Amino acid sequence: MNEEMLELAISRIAMLEQKLERYFQLLNVENELGFILKGTYILESDVEKILNGQ
């Protein structure tokens, strides 16, 4: 049982690391174009708004 709990804890830590990395990546994006260039999902209507300066 302790081994299972350890494996679960390691798995959860790995998931938290991934979430933190993603969070800091988003903090480093300076503008909407950065989101697009970094491959973050964005709606086509939002792209049009960005290109139109809205």
PDB file of N, CA and C in Angstrom:
ATOM      1  N   MET A   1       0.819  -1.191   0.000  1.00  0.00           N
ATOM      2  CA  MET A   1       0.000   0.000   0.000  1.00  0.00           C
ATOM      3  C   MET A   1       0.865   1.257   0.000  1.00  0.00           C
ATOM      4  N   ASN A   2       1.946   1.270   0.760  1.00  0.00           N
ATOM      5  CA  ASN A   2       2.823   2.437   0.788  1.00  0.00           C
ATOM      6  C   ASN A   2       3.446   2.702  -0.575  1.00  0.00           C
ATOM      7  N   GLU A   3       3.766   1.627  -1.290  1.00  0.00           N
ATOM      8  CA  GLU A   3       4.342   1.778  -2.623  1.00  0.00           C
ATOM      9  C   GLU A   3       3.320   2.393  -3.584  1.00  0.00           C
ATOM     10  N   GLU A   4       2.072   1.993  -3.451  1.00  0.00           N
ATOM     11  CA  GLU A   4       1.010   2.559  -4.279  1.00  0.00           C
ATOM     12  C   GLU A   4       0.818   4.044  -3.979  1.00  0.00           C
ATOM     13  N   MET A   5       0.867   4.393  -2.703  1.00  0.00           N
ATOM     14  CA  MET A   5       0.710   5.791  -2.312  1.00  0.00           C
ATOM     15  C   MET A   5       1.872   6.625  -2.837  1.00  0.00           C
ATOM     16  N   LEU A   6       3.076   6.069  -2.801  1.00  0.00           N
ATOM     17  CA  LEU A   6       4.251   6.764  -3.310  1.00  0.00           C
ATOM     18  C   LEU A   6       4.129   6.989  -4.815  1.00  0.00           C
ATOM     19  N   GLU A   7       3.704   5.971  -5.541  1.00  0.00           N
ATOM     20  CA  GLU A   7       3.522   6.098  -6.985  1.00  0.00           C
ATOM     21  C   GLU A   7       2.456   7.144  -7.306  1.00  0.00           C
ATOM     22  N   LEU A   8       1.382   7.158  -6.529  1.00  0.00           N
ATOM     23  CA  LEU A   8       0.323   8.148  -6.726  1.00  0.00           C
ATOM     24  C   LEU A   8       0.858   9.555  -6.458  1.00  0.00           C
ATOM     25  N   ALA A   9       1.630   9.709  -5.394  1.00  0.00           N
ATOM     26  CA  ALA A   9       2.204  11.013  -5.060  1.00  0.00           C
ATOM     27  C   ALA A   9       3.149  11.485  -6.157  1.00  0.00           C
ATOM     28  N   ILE A  10       3.978  10.605  -6.673  1.00  0.00           N
ATOM     29  CA  ILE A  10       4.906  10.952  -7.749  1.00  0.00           C
ATOM     30  C   ILE A  10       4.138  11.357  -8.997  1.00  0.00           C
ATOM     31  N   SER A  11       3.069  10.644  -9.303  1.00  0.00           N
ATOM     32  CA  SER A  11       2.234  10.971 -10.456  1.00  0.00           C
ATOM     33  C   SER A  11       1.604  12.348 -10.298  1.00  0.00           C
ATOM     34  N   ARG A  12       1.092  12.628  -9.125  1.00  0.00           N
ATOM     35  CA  ARG A  12       0.456  13.934  -8.879  1.00  0.00           C
ATOM     36  C   ARG A  12       1.481  15.065  -8.938  1.00  0.00           C
ATOM     37  N   ILE A  13       2.666  14.823  -8.428  1.00  0.00           N
ATOM     38  CA  ILE A  13       3.727  15.835  -8.491  1.00  0.00           C
ATOM     39  C   ILE A  13       4.077  16.127  -9.942  1.00  0.00           C
ATOM     40  N   ALA A  14       4.178  15.097 -10.763  1.00  0.00           N
ATOM     41  CA  ALA A  14       4.485  15.272 -12.186  1.00  0.00           C
ATOM     42  C   ALA A  14       3.397  16.099 -12.864  1.00  0.00           C
ATOM     43  N   MET A  15       2.131  15.836 -12.524  1.00  0.00           N
ATOM     44  CA  MET A  15       1.024  16.598 -13.107  1.00  0.00           C
ATOM     45  C   MET A  15       1.094  18.063 -12.675  1.00  0.00           C
ATOM     46  N   LEU A  16       1.406  18.296 -11.408  1.00  0.00           N
ATOM     47  CA  LEU A  16       1.536  19.663 -10.915  1.00  0.00           C
ATOM     48  C   LEU A  16       2.693  20.392 -11.591  1.00  0.00           C
ATOM     49  N   GLU A  17       3.801  19.693 -11.822  1.00  0.00           N
ATOM     50  CA  GLU A  17       4.935  20.299 -12.527  1.00  0.00           C
ATOM     51  C   GLU A  17       4.519  20.748 -13.916  1.00  0.00           C
ATOM     52  N   GLN A  18       3.760  19.913 -14.620  1.00  0.00           N
ATOM     53  CA  GLN A  18       3.297  20.264 -15.957  1.00  0.00           C
ATOM     54  C   GLN A  18       2.383  21.480 -15.918  1.00  0.00           C
ATOM     55  N   LYS A  19       1.494  21.529 -14.941  1.00  0.00           N
ATOM     56  CA  LYS A  19       0.586  22.670 -14.821  1.00  0.00           C
ATOM     57  C   LYS A  19       1.363  23.950 -14.520  1.00  0.00           C
ATOM     58  N   LEU A  20       2.357  23.861 -13.639  1.00  0.00           N
ATOM     59  CA  LEU A  20       3.168  25.035 -13.320  1.00  0.00           C
ATOM     60  C   LEU A  20       3.956  25.518 -14.525  1.00  0.00           C
ATOM     61  N   GLU A  21       4.521  24.587 -15.290  1.00  0.00           N
ATOM     62  CA  GLU A  21       5.265  24.962 -16.489  1.00  0.00           C
ATOM     63  C   GLU A  21       4.342  25.694 -17.471  1.00  0.00           C
ATOM     64  N   ARG A  22       3.142  25.175 -17.652  1.00  0.00           N
ATOM     65  CA  ARG A  22       2.181  25.800 -18.565  1.00  0.00           C
ATOM     66  C   ARG A  22       1.785  27.190 -18.067  1.00  0.00           C
ATOM     67  N   TYR A  23       1.572  27.309 -16.770  1.00  0.00           N
ATOM     68  CA  TYR A  23       1.208  28.592 -16.181  1.00  0.00           C
ATOM     69  C   TYR A  23       2.300  29.629 -16.430  1.00  0.00           C
ATOM     70  N   PHE A  24       3.547  29.262 -16.203  1.00  0.00           N
ATOM     71  CA  PHE A  24       4.643  30.202 -16.407  1.00  0.00           C
ATOM     72  C   PHE A  24       4.853  30.516 -17.887  1.00  0.00           C
ATOM     73  N   GLN A  25       4.564  29.563 -18.767  1.00  0.00           N
ATOM     74  CA  GLN A  25       4.625  29.850 -20.204  1.00  0.00           C
ATOM     75  C   GLN A  25       3.594  30.915 -20.557  1.00  0.00           C
ATOM     76  N   LEU A  26       2.406  30.799 -19.998  1.00  0.00           N
ATOM     77  CA  LEU A  26       1.364  31.782 -20.271  1.00  0.00           C
ATOM     78  C   LEU A  26       1.728  33.148 -19.701  1.00  0.00           C
ATOM     79  N   LEU A  27       2.396  33.175 -18.567  1.00  0.00           N
ATOM     80  CA  LEU A  27       2.828  34.448 -17.993  1.00  0.00           C
ATOM     81  C   LEU A  27       3.865  35.138 -18.874  1.00  0.00           C
ATOM     82  N   ASN A  28       4.646  34.350 -19.590  1.00  0.00           N
ATOM     83  CA  ASN A  28       5.715  34.902 -20.419  1.00  0.00           C
ATOM     84  C   ASN A  28       5.232  35.370 -21.785  1.00  0.00           C
ATOM     85  N   VAL A  29       4.001  35.048 -22.145  1.00  0.00           N
ATOM     86  CA  VAL A  29       3.469  35.480 -23.430  1.00  0.00           C
ATOM     87  C   VAL A  29       3.124  36.960 -23.318  1.00  0.00           C
ATOM     88  N   GLU A  30       3.677  37.760 -24.210  1.00  0.00           N
ATOM     89  CA  GLU A  30       3.519  39.207 -24.101  1.00  0.00           C
ATOM     90  C   GLU A  30       2.240  39.738 -24.745  1.00  0.00           C
ATOM     91  N   ASN A  31       1.729  39.055 -25.749  1.00  0.00           N
ATOM     92  CA  ASN A  31       0.526  39.557 -26.408  1.00  0.00           C
ATOM     93  C   ASN A  31      -0.190  38.417 -27.119  1.00  0.00           C
ATOM     94  N   GLU A  32      -1.297  38.728 -27.741  1.00  0.00           N
ATOM     95  CA  GLU A  32      -2.106  37.699 -28.391  1.00  0.00           C
ATOM     96  C   GLU A  32      -1.358  36.987 -29.506  1.00  0.00           C
ATOM     97  N   LEU A  33      -0.531  37.712 -30.242  1.00  0.00           N
ATOM     98  CA  LEU A  33       0.237  37.076 -31.309  1.00  0.00           C
ATOM     99  C   LEU A  33       1.181  36.035 -30.727  1.00  0.00           C
ATOM    100  N   GLY A  34       1.710  36.299 -29.562  1.00  0.00           N
ATOM    101  CA  GLY A  34       2.560  35.321 -28.878  1.00  0.00           C
ATOM    102  C   GLY A  34       1.816  34.026 -28.610  1.00  0.00           C
ATOM    103  N   PHE A  35       0.535  34.134 -28.245  1.00  0.00           N
ATOM    104  CA  PHE A  35      -0.265  32.925 -28.046  1.00  0.00           C
ATOM    105  C   PHE A  35      -0.335  32.107 -29.325  1.00  0.00           C
ATOM    106  N   ILE A  36      -0.572  32.786 -30.430  1.00  0.00           N
ATOM    107  CA  ILE A  36      -0.685  32.099 -31.713  1.00  0.00           C
ATOM    108  C   ILE A  36       0.647  31.452 -32.085  1.00  0.00           C
ATOM    109  N   LEU A  37       1.728  32.211 -31.959  1.00  0.00           N
ATOM    110  CA  LEU A  37       3.039  31.706 -32.345  1.00  0.00           C
ATOM    111  C   LEU A  37       3.496  30.556 -31.460  1.00  0.00           C
ATOM    112  N   LYS A  38       3.063  30.535 -30.221  1.00  0.00           N
ATOM    113  CA  LYS A  38       3.448  29.449 -29.319  1.00  0.00           C
ATOM    114  C   LYS A  38       2.531  28.242 -29.447  1.00  0.00           C
ATOM    115  N   GLY A  39       1.525  28.331 -30.319  1.00  0.00           N
ATOM    116  CA  GLY A  39       0.666  27.179 -30.594  1.00  0.00           C
ATOM    117  C   GLY A  39      -0.514  27.020 -29.658  1.00  0.00           C
ATOM    118  N   THR A  40      -0.834  28.045 -28.897  1.00  0.00           N
ATOM    119  CA  THR A  40      -1.988  27.958 -28.019  1.00  0.00           C
ATOM    120  C   THR A  40      -3.261  28.032 -28.852  1.00  0.00           C
ATOM    121  N   TYR A  41      -4.239  27.248 -28.511  1.00  0.00           N
ATOM    122  CA  TYR A  41      -5.491  27.214 -29.251  1.00  0.00           C
ATOM    123  C   TYR A  41      -6.183  28.571 -29.177  1.00  0.00           C
ATOM    124  N   ILE A  42      -6.630  29.029 -30.308  1.00  0.00           N
ATOM    125  CA  ILE A  42      -7.352  30.295 -30.366  1.00  0.00           C
ATOM    126  C   ILE A  42      -8.412  30.187 -31.458  1.00  0.00           C
ATOM    127  N   LEU A  43      -9.561  30.767 -31.202  1.00  0.00           N
ATOM    128  CA  LEU A  43     -10.652  30.708 -32.173  1.00  0.00           C
ATOM    129  C   LEU A  43     -10.352  31.590 -33.382  1.00  0.00           C
ATOM    130  N   GLU A  44     -10.879  31.208 -34.532  1.00  0.00           N
ATOM    131  CA  GLU A  44     -10.677  31.980 -35.759  1.00  0.00           C
ATOM    132  C   GLU A  44     -11.225  33.399 -35.609  1.00  0.00           C
ATOM    133  N   SER A  45     -12.351  33.525 -34.933  1.00  0.00           N
ATOM    134  CA  SER A  45     -12.929  34.867 -34.731  1.00  0.00           C
ATOM    135  C   SER A  45     -12.001  35.736 -33.892  1.00  0.00           C
ATOM    136  N   ASP A  46     -11.305  35.133 -32.943  1.00  0.00           N
ATOM    137  CA  ASP A  46     -10.352  35.880 -32.129  1.00  0.00           C
ATOM    138  C   ASP A  46      -9.145  36.314 -32.954  1.00  0.00           C
ATOM    139  N   VAL A  47      -8.714  35.456 -33.871  1.00  0.00           N
ATOM    140  CA  VAL A  47      -7.591  35.809 -34.750  1.00  0.00           C
ATOM    141  C   VAL A  47      -7.982  37.020 -35.595  1.00  0.00           C
ATOM    142  N   GLU A  48      -9.208  37.012 -36.116  1.00  0.00           N
ATOM    143  CA  GLU A  48      -9.678  38.138 -36.920  1.00  0.00           C
ATOM    144  C   GLU A  48      -9.695  39.427 -36.102  1.00  0.00           C
ATOM    145  N   LYS A  49     -10.121  39.357 -34.873  1.00  0.00           N
ATOM    146  CA  LYS A  49     -10.152  40.526 -33.998  1.00  0.00           C
ATOM    147  C   LYS A  49      -8.731  41.058 -33.776  1.00  0.00           C
ATOM    148  N   ILE A  50      -7.802  40.144 -33.565  1.00  0.00           N
ATOM    149  CA  ILE A  50      -6.402  40.539 -33.341  1.00  0.00           C
ATOM    150  C   ILE A  50      -5.858  41.244 -34.581  1.00  0.00           C
ATOM    151  N   LEU A  51      -6.113  40.649 -35.741  1.00  0.00           N
ATOM    152  CA  LEU A  51      -5.610  41.227 -36.980  1.00  0.00           C
ATOM    153  C   LEU A  51      -6.253  42.574 -37.285  1.00  0.00           C
ATOM    154  N   ASN A  52      -7.490  42.766 -36.799  1.00  0.00           N
ATOM    155  CA  ASN A  52      -8.189  44.030 -36.997  1.00  0.00           C
ATOM    156  C   ASN A  52      -7.882  45.044 -35.897  1.00  0.00           C
ATOM    157  N   GLY A  53      -7.060  44.675 -34.948  1.00  0.00           N
ATOM    158  CA  GLY A  53      -6.666  45.591 -33.883  1.00  0.00           C
ATOM    159  C   GLY A  53      -7.723  45.801 -32.813  1.00  0.00           C
ATOM    160  N   GLN A  54      -8.579  44.833 -32.640  1.00  0.00           N
ATOM    161  CA  GLN A  54      -9.657  44.972 -31.635  1.00  0.00           C
ATOM    162  C   GLN A  54      -9.275  44.315 -30.345  1.00  0.00           C
TER     163      GLN A  54
END
